[in-house]
Protein backbone atom coordinates (compact mmCIF):
# COMPACT_ATOMS: atom_id res chain seq x y z
CA UNK A 1 0.00 0.00 0.00
CA UNK A 2 1.35 3.41 -0.92
CA UNK A 3 1.65 6.03 1.85
CA UNK A 4 -0.73 8.55 0.25
CA UNK A 5 -2.32 9.83 3.43
CA UNK A 6 1.03 10.78 4.90
CA UNK A 7 2.49 12.16 1.73
CA UNK A 8 -0.46 14.26 0.69
CA UNK A 9 -0.73 15.46 4.26
CA UNK A 10 2.88 16.54 3.86
CA UNK A 11 1.95 18.51 0.77
CA UNK A 12 -1.02 20.13 2.46
CA UNK A 13 1.02 20.83 5.58
CA UNK A 14 3.95 22.20 3.62
CA UNK A 15 1.76 24.40 1.47
CA UNK A 16 0.13 25.91 4.53
CA UNK A 17 3.23 26.54 6.60
CA UNK A 18 4.70 30.00 6.94
CA UNK A 19 7.77 31.55 8.49
CA UNK A 20 8.83 30.63 12.01
CA UNK A 21 9.47 32.98 14.94
CA UNK A 22 11.88 35.90 14.64
CA UNK A 23 14.10 34.64 17.45
CA UNK A 24 15.33 31.91 15.15
CA UNK A 25 15.13 33.89 11.90
CA UNK A 26 18.11 32.24 10.25
CA UNK A 27 16.95 28.73 11.16
CA UNK A 28 13.39 29.63 10.19
CA UNK A 29 14.55 30.90 6.81
CA UNK A 30 16.42 27.65 6.19
CA UNK A 31 13.41 25.58 7.22
CA UNK A 32 11.06 27.72 5.16
CA UNK A 33 13.34 27.32 2.12
CA UNK A 34 13.39 23.52 2.58
CA UNK A 35 9.61 23.44 2.94
CA UNK A 36 9.14 25.58 -0.15
CA UNK A 37 11.50 23.32 -2.11
CA UNK A 38 9.48 20.28 -1.01
CA UNK A 39 6.21 21.96 -2.00
CA UNK A 40 7.66 22.89 -5.40
CA UNK A 41 8.89 19.33 -5.93
CA UNK A 42 5.44 17.93 -5.16
CA UNK A 43 3.74 20.55 -7.33
CA UNK A 44 6.08 19.80 -10.24
CA UNK A 45 5.66 16.04 -9.92
CA UNK A 46 1.92 15.94 -9.20
CA UNK A 47 0.57 19.09 -10.84
CA UNK A 48 -0.59 17.31 -13.99
CA UNK A 49 -2.23 14.53 -11.97
CA UNK A 50 -4.03 17.00 -9.75
CA UNK A 51 -5.15 18.94 -12.82
CA UNK A 52 -6.33 15.78 -14.57
CA UNK A 53 -8.10 14.08 -11.68
CA UNK A 54 -8.82 16.82 -9.15
CA UNK A 55 -9.32 20.03 -11.15
CA UNK A 56 -12.84 20.52 -9.81
CA UNK A 57 -11.78 20.09 -6.20
CA UNK A 58 -11.45 23.22 -4.09
CA UNK A 59 -8.08 23.03 -2.27
CA UNK A 60 -8.06 23.02 1.50
CA UNK A 61 -9.25 20.95 4.44
CA UNK A 62 -7.74 17.77 2.98
CA UNK A 63 -9.91 17.72 -0.15
CA UNK A 64 -6.96 17.32 -2.55
CA UNK A 65 -5.63 14.53 -0.37
CA UNK A 66 -8.91 12.68 -0.60
CA UNK A 67 -9.07 13.22 -4.34
CA UNK A 68 -5.55 11.90 -4.94
CA UNK A 69 -6.32 8.92 -2.70
CA UNK A 70 -9.43 8.22 -4.75
CA UNK A 71 -7.27 8.16 -7.90
CA UNK A 72 -4.13 6.57 -6.47
CA UNK A 73 -4.29 3.74 -9.01
CA UNK A 74 -4.17 6.26 -11.88
CA UNK A 75 -1.52 8.77 -10.88
CA UNK A 76 1.77 8.98 -12.73
CA UNK A 77 4.86 7.19 -11.51
CA UNK A 78 6.56 10.59 -11.19
CA UNK A 79 3.90 11.79 -8.77
CA UNK A 80 3.82 8.44 -6.99
CA UNK A 81 7.57 8.59 -6.39
CA UNK A 82 7.47 12.24 -5.23
CA UNK A 83 4.74 11.38 -2.75
CA UNK A 84 6.67 8.34 -1.54
CA UNK A 85 9.86 10.40 -1.16
CA UNK A 86 8.06 13.16 0.76
CA UNK A 87 6.45 10.54 2.99
CA UNK A 88 9.83 8.95 3.79
CA UNK A 89 11.36 12.30 4.63
CA UNK A 90 8.44 13.19 6.86
CA UNK A 91 8.64 9.82 8.59
CA UNK A 92 12.37 10.30 9.27
CA UNK A 93 11.76 13.77 10.66
CA UNK A 94 8.99 12.50 12.91
CA UNK A 95 11.23 9.66 14.08
CA UNK A 96 13.88 12.22 15.10
CA UNK A 97 11.27 14.26 16.97
CA UNK A 98 10.01 11.16 18.77
CA UNK A 99 13.55 10.07 19.61
CA UNK A 100 14.35 13.52 21.02
CA UNK A 101 11.12 13.67 23.01
CA UNK A 102 11.72 10.24 24.51
CA UNK A 103 15.30 10.99 25.48
CA UNK A 104 14.97 14.63 26.41
CA UNK A 105 11.48 15.18 27.79
CA UNK A 106 12.62 15.89 31.37
CA UNK A 107 15.38 18.18 30.05
CA UNK A 108 12.92 20.01 27.80
CA UNK A 109 10.55 20.60 30.72
CA UNK A 110 13.41 21.68 33.00
CA UNK A 111 15.56 23.72 30.63
CA UNK A 112 13.46 24.73 27.63
CA UNK A 113 9.94 25.09 29.04
CA UNK A 114 9.66 28.74 28.00
CA UNK A 115 11.02 28.25 24.49
CA UNK A 116 8.37 28.58 21.79
CA UNK A 117 8.05 25.34 19.82
CA UNK A 118 8.68 25.21 16.09
CA UNK A 119 11.49 26.15 13.80
CA UNK A 120 13.99 24.00 15.64
CA UNK A 121 13.79 26.20 18.74
CA UNK A 122 13.64 23.30 21.21
CA UNK A 123 16.59 21.53 19.58
CA UNK A 124 18.53 24.80 19.61
CA UNK A 125 17.74 25.23 23.32
CA UNK A 126 18.91 21.70 24.09
CA UNK A 127 22.08 22.17 22.05
CA UNK A 128 22.80 25.52 23.75
CA UNK A 129 22.40 23.87 27.15
CA UNK A 130 24.11 20.60 26.22
CA UNK A 131 26.37 20.67 29.27
CA UNK A 132 23.38 20.67 31.64
CA UNK A 133 21.13 18.09 29.97
CA UNK A 134 21.24 14.34 30.57
CA UNK A 135 23.83 12.17 28.81
CA UNK A 136 21.07 10.37 26.90
CA UNK A 137 19.69 13.69 25.69
CA UNK A 138 23.17 14.93 24.75
CA UNK A 139 23.66 11.83 22.60
CA UNK A 140 20.32 12.31 20.81
CA UNK A 141 20.94 16.01 20.20
CA UNK A 142 24.36 15.22 18.74
CA UNK A 143 22.86 12.51 16.53
CA UNK A 144 20.13 14.81 15.24
CA UNK A 145 22.58 17.63 14.56
CA UNK A 146 24.88 15.23 12.68
CA UNK A 147 21.99 14.04 10.48
CA UNK A 148 21.12 17.52 9.21
C-alpha atoms as a PDB file:
ATOM      1  CA  UNK A   1       0.000   0.000   0.000  1.00  0.00           C
ATOM      2  CA  UNK A   2       1.350   3.413  -0.923  1.00  0.00           C
ATOM      3  CA  UNK A   3       1.647   6.025   1.850  1.00  0.00           C
ATOM      4  CA  UNK A   4      -0.728   8.551   0.251  1.00  0.00           C
ATOM      5  CA  UNK A   5      -2.316   9.834   3.433  1.00  0.00           C
ATOM      6  CA  UNK A   6       1.033  10.778   4.905  1.00  0.00           C
ATOM      7  CA  UNK A   7       2.485  12.162   1.731  1.00  0.00           C
ATOM      8  CA  UNK A   8      -0.461  14.261   0.690  1.00  0.00           C
ATOM      9  CA  UNK A   9      -0.735  15.462   4.259  1.00  0.00           C
ATOM     10  CA  UNK A  10       2.877  16.537   3.856  1.00  0.00           C
ATOM     11  CA  UNK A  11       1.948  18.506   0.773  1.00  0.00           C
ATOM     12  CA  UNK A  12      -1.018  20.127   2.462  1.00  0.00           C
ATOM     13  CA  UNK A  13       1.022  20.827   5.577  1.00  0.00           C
ATOM     14  CA  UNK A  14       3.954  22.198   3.620  1.00  0.00           C
ATOM     15  CA  UNK A  15       1.764  24.401   1.473  1.00  0.00           C
ATOM     16  CA  UNK A  16       0.130  25.910   4.526  1.00  0.00           C
ATOM     17  CA  UNK A  17       3.233  26.541   6.603  1.00  0.00           C
ATOM     18  CA  UNK A  18       4.704  29.997   6.940  1.00  0.00           C
ATOM     19  CA  UNK A  19       7.775  31.553   8.486  1.00  0.00           C
ATOM     20  CA  UNK A  20       8.834  30.626  12.014  1.00  0.00           C
ATOM     21  CA  UNK A  21       9.475  32.980  14.943  1.00  0.00           C
ATOM     22  CA  UNK A  22      11.882  35.899  14.638  1.00  0.00           C
ATOM     23  CA  UNK A  23      14.100  34.640  17.449  1.00  0.00           C
ATOM     24  CA  UNK A  24      15.327  31.913  15.148  1.00  0.00           C
ATOM     25  CA  UNK A  25      15.127  33.890  11.900  1.00  0.00           C
ATOM     26  CA  UNK A  26      18.112  32.235  10.245  1.00  0.00           C
ATOM     27  CA  UNK A  27      16.950  28.730  11.159  1.00  0.00           C
ATOM     28  CA  UNK A  28      13.388  29.630  10.190  1.00  0.00           C
ATOM     29  CA  UNK A  29      14.550  30.896   6.806  1.00  0.00           C
ATOM     30  CA  UNK A  30      16.419  27.654   6.190  1.00  0.00           C
ATOM     31  CA  UNK A  31      13.413  25.581   7.220  1.00  0.00           C
ATOM     32  CA  UNK A  32      11.062  27.720   5.156  1.00  0.00           C
ATOM     33  CA  UNK A  33      13.339  27.316   2.118  1.00  0.00           C
ATOM     34  CA  UNK A  34      13.390  23.521   2.576  1.00  0.00           C
ATOM     35  CA  UNK A  35       9.607  23.436   2.943  1.00  0.00           C
ATOM     36  CA  UNK A  36       9.141  25.582  -0.148  1.00  0.00           C
ATOM     37  CA  UNK A  37      11.497  23.315  -2.109  1.00  0.00           C
ATOM     38  CA  UNK A  38       9.476  20.277  -1.007  1.00  0.00           C
ATOM     39  CA  UNK A  39       6.213  21.961  -2.003  1.00  0.00           C
ATOM     40  CA  UNK A  40       7.663  22.891  -5.398  1.00  0.00           C
ATOM     41  CA  UNK A  41       8.894  19.330  -5.934  1.00  0.00           C
ATOM     42  CA  UNK A  42       5.441  17.930  -5.164  1.00  0.00           C
ATOM     43  CA  UNK A  43       3.743  20.547  -7.334  1.00  0.00           C
ATOM     44  CA  UNK A  44       6.080  19.804 -10.238  1.00  0.00           C
ATOM     45  CA  UNK A  45       5.657  16.044  -9.920  1.00  0.00           C
ATOM     46  CA  UNK A  46       1.923  15.941  -9.202  1.00  0.00           C
ATOM     47  CA  UNK A  47       0.566  19.090 -10.839  1.00  0.00           C
ATOM     48  CA  UNK A  48      -0.592  17.309 -13.993  1.00  0.00           C
ATOM     49  CA  UNK A  49      -2.228  14.526 -11.972  1.00  0.00           C
ATOM     50  CA  UNK A  50      -4.029  17.003  -9.754  1.00  0.00           C
ATOM     51  CA  UNK A  51      -5.152  18.942 -12.824  1.00  0.00           C
ATOM     52  CA  UNK A  52      -6.335  15.780 -14.575  1.00  0.00           C
ATOM     53  CA  UNK A  53      -8.105  14.083 -11.677  1.00  0.00           C
ATOM     54  CA  UNK A  54      -8.820  16.823  -9.148  1.00  0.00           C
ATOM     55  CA  UNK A  55      -9.319  20.025 -11.149  1.00  0.00           C
ATOM     56  CA  UNK A  56     -12.842  20.518  -9.814  1.00  0.00           C
ATOM     57  CA  UNK A  57     -11.778  20.086  -6.198  1.00  0.00           C
ATOM     58  CA  UNK A  58     -11.446  23.221  -4.090  1.00  0.00           C
ATOM     59  CA  UNK A  59      -8.082  23.028  -2.275  1.00  0.00           C
ATOM     60  CA  UNK A  60      -8.061  23.018   1.503  1.00  0.00           C
ATOM     61  CA  UNK A  61      -9.250  20.945   4.437  1.00  0.00           C
ATOM     62  CA  UNK A  62      -7.740  17.774   2.980  1.00  0.00           C
ATOM     63  CA  UNK A  63      -9.905  17.718  -0.145  1.00  0.00           C
ATOM     64  CA  UNK A  64      -6.962  17.320  -2.547  1.00  0.00           C
ATOM     65  CA  UNK A  65      -5.630  14.527  -0.374  1.00  0.00           C
ATOM     66  CA  UNK A  66      -8.910  12.683  -0.595  1.00  0.00           C
ATOM     67  CA  UNK A  67      -9.074  13.225  -4.344  1.00  0.00           C
ATOM     68  CA  UNK A  68      -5.549  11.900  -4.940  1.00  0.00           C
ATOM     69  CA  UNK A  69      -6.321   8.924  -2.696  1.00  0.00           C
ATOM     70  CA  UNK A  70      -9.431   8.219  -4.749  1.00  0.00           C
ATOM     71  CA  UNK A  71      -7.272   8.158  -7.898  1.00  0.00           C
ATOM     72  CA  UNK A  72      -4.131   6.568  -6.472  1.00  0.00           C
ATOM     73  CA  UNK A  73      -4.291   3.741  -9.008  1.00  0.00           C
ATOM     74  CA  UNK A  74      -4.167   6.258 -11.878  1.00  0.00           C
ATOM     75  CA  UNK A  75      -1.523   8.769 -10.879  1.00  0.00           C
ATOM     76  CA  UNK A  76       1.772   8.977 -12.731  1.00  0.00           C
ATOM     77  CA  UNK A  77       4.861   7.193 -11.505  1.00  0.00           C
ATOM     78  CA  UNK A  78       6.561  10.592 -11.193  1.00  0.00           C
ATOM     79  CA  UNK A  79       3.897  11.785  -8.766  1.00  0.00           C
ATOM     80  CA  UNK A  80       3.820   8.437  -6.985  1.00  0.00           C
ATOM     81  CA  UNK A  81       7.570   8.592  -6.388  1.00  0.00           C
ATOM     82  CA  UNK A  82       7.474  12.238  -5.234  1.00  0.00           C
ATOM     83  CA  UNK A  83       4.738  11.376  -2.745  1.00  0.00           C
ATOM     84  CA  UNK A  84       6.674   8.341  -1.537  1.00  0.00           C
ATOM     85  CA  UNK A  85       9.855  10.399  -1.163  1.00  0.00           C
ATOM     86  CA  UNK A  86       8.055  13.156   0.763  1.00  0.00           C
ATOM     87  CA  UNK A  87       6.454  10.541   2.995  1.00  0.00           C
ATOM     88  CA  UNK A  88       9.833   8.946   3.789  1.00  0.00           C
ATOM     89  CA  UNK A  89      11.364  12.303   4.635  1.00  0.00           C
ATOM     90  CA  UNK A  90       8.435  13.190   6.863  1.00  0.00           C
ATOM     91  CA  UNK A  91       8.640   9.824   8.587  1.00  0.00           C
ATOM     92  CA  UNK A  92      12.366  10.296   9.268  1.00  0.00           C
ATOM     93  CA  UNK A  93      11.756  13.774  10.658  1.00  0.00           C
ATOM     94  CA  UNK A  94       8.988  12.499  12.911  1.00  0.00           C
ATOM     95  CA  UNK A  95      11.234   9.663  14.080  1.00  0.00           C
ATOM     96  CA  UNK A  96      13.880  12.222  15.100  1.00  0.00           C
ATOM     97  CA  UNK A  97      11.267  14.265  16.970  1.00  0.00           C
ATOM     98  CA  UNK A  98      10.013  11.164  18.769  1.00  0.00           C
ATOM     99  CA  UNK A  99      13.553  10.069  19.612  1.00  0.00           C
ATOM    100  CA  UNK A 100      14.348  13.519  21.024  1.00  0.00           C
ATOM    101  CA  UNK A 101      11.123  13.675  23.010  1.00  0.00           C
ATOM    102  CA  UNK A 102      11.719  10.244  24.509  1.00  0.00           C
ATOM    103  CA  UNK A 103      15.302  10.987  25.477  1.00  0.00           C
ATOM    104  CA  UNK A 104      14.969  14.631  26.415  1.00  0.00           C
ATOM    105  CA  UNK A 105      11.481  15.181  27.788  1.00  0.00           C
ATOM    106  CA  UNK A 106      12.620  15.888  31.367  1.00  0.00           C
ATOM    107  CA  UNK A 107      15.376  18.175  30.052  1.00  0.00           C
ATOM    108  CA  UNK A 108      12.923  20.007  27.800  1.00  0.00           C
ATOM    109  CA  UNK A 109      10.554  20.596  30.721  1.00  0.00           C
ATOM    110  CA  UNK A 110      13.408  21.685  32.996  1.00  0.00           C
ATOM    111  CA  UNK A 111      15.561  23.721  30.629  1.00  0.00           C
ATOM    112  CA  UNK A 112      13.456  24.732  27.634  1.00  0.00           C
ATOM    113  CA  UNK A 113       9.940  25.094  29.037  1.00  0.00           C
ATOM    114  CA  UNK A 114       9.656  28.743  28.001  1.00  0.00           C
ATOM    115  CA  UNK A 115      11.017  28.250  24.489  1.00  0.00           C
ATOM    116  CA  UNK A 116       8.369  28.583  21.785  1.00  0.00           C
ATOM    117  CA  UNK A 117       8.047  25.336  19.817  1.00  0.00           C
ATOM    118  CA  UNK A 118       8.676  25.212  16.087  1.00  0.00           C
ATOM    119  CA  UNK A 119      11.488  26.150  13.797  1.00  0.00           C
ATOM    120  CA  UNK A 120      13.995  23.998  15.637  1.00  0.00           C
ATOM    121  CA  UNK A 121      13.785  26.199  18.736  1.00  0.00           C
ATOM    122  CA  UNK A 122      13.642  23.298  21.210  1.00  0.00           C
ATOM    123  CA  UNK A 123      16.590  21.532  19.575  1.00  0.00           C
ATOM    124  CA  UNK A 124      18.534  24.795  19.611  1.00  0.00           C
ATOM    125  CA  UNK A 125      17.737  25.230  23.315  1.00  0.00           C
ATOM    126  CA  UNK A 126      18.908  21.701  24.093  1.00  0.00           C
ATOM    127  CA  UNK A 127      22.084  22.172  22.053  1.00  0.00           C
ATOM    128  CA  UNK A 128      22.800  25.515  23.752  1.00  0.00           C
ATOM    129  CA  UNK A 129      22.398  23.869  27.151  1.00  0.00           C
ATOM    130  CA  UNK A 130      24.105  20.604  26.215  1.00  0.00           C
ATOM    131  CA  UNK A 131      26.374  20.671  29.267  1.00  0.00           C
ATOM    132  CA  UNK A 132      23.384  20.671  31.639  1.00  0.00           C
ATOM    133  CA  UNK A 133      21.128  18.089  29.966  1.00  0.00           C
ATOM    134  CA  UNK A 134      21.241  14.339  30.571  1.00  0.00           C
ATOM    135  CA  UNK A 135      23.831  12.171  28.811  1.00  0.00           C
ATOM    136  CA  UNK A 136      21.069  10.374  26.896  1.00  0.00           C
ATOM    137  CA  UNK A 137      19.688  13.690  25.686  1.00  0.00           C
ATOM    138  CA  UNK A 138      23.167  14.927  24.754  1.00  0.00           C
ATOM    139  CA  UNK A 139      23.659  11.834  22.599  1.00  0.00           C
ATOM    140  CA  UNK A 140      20.322  12.307  20.814  1.00  0.00           C
ATOM    141  CA  UNK A 141      20.939  16.014  20.201  1.00  0.00           C
ATOM    142  CA  UNK A 142      24.362  15.216  18.743  1.00  0.00           C
ATOM    143  CA  UNK A 143      22.858  12.509  16.535  1.00  0.00           C
ATOM    144  CA  UNK A 144      20.126  14.810  15.237  1.00  0.00           C
ATOM    145  CA  UNK A 145      22.582  17.627  14.556  1.00  0.00           C
ATOM    146  CA  UNK A 146      24.878  15.228  12.684  1.00  0.00           C
ATOM    147  CA  UNK A 147      21.994  14.040  10.483  1.00  0.00           C
ATOM    148  CA  UNK A 148      21.116  17.519   9.213  1.00  0.00           C
END
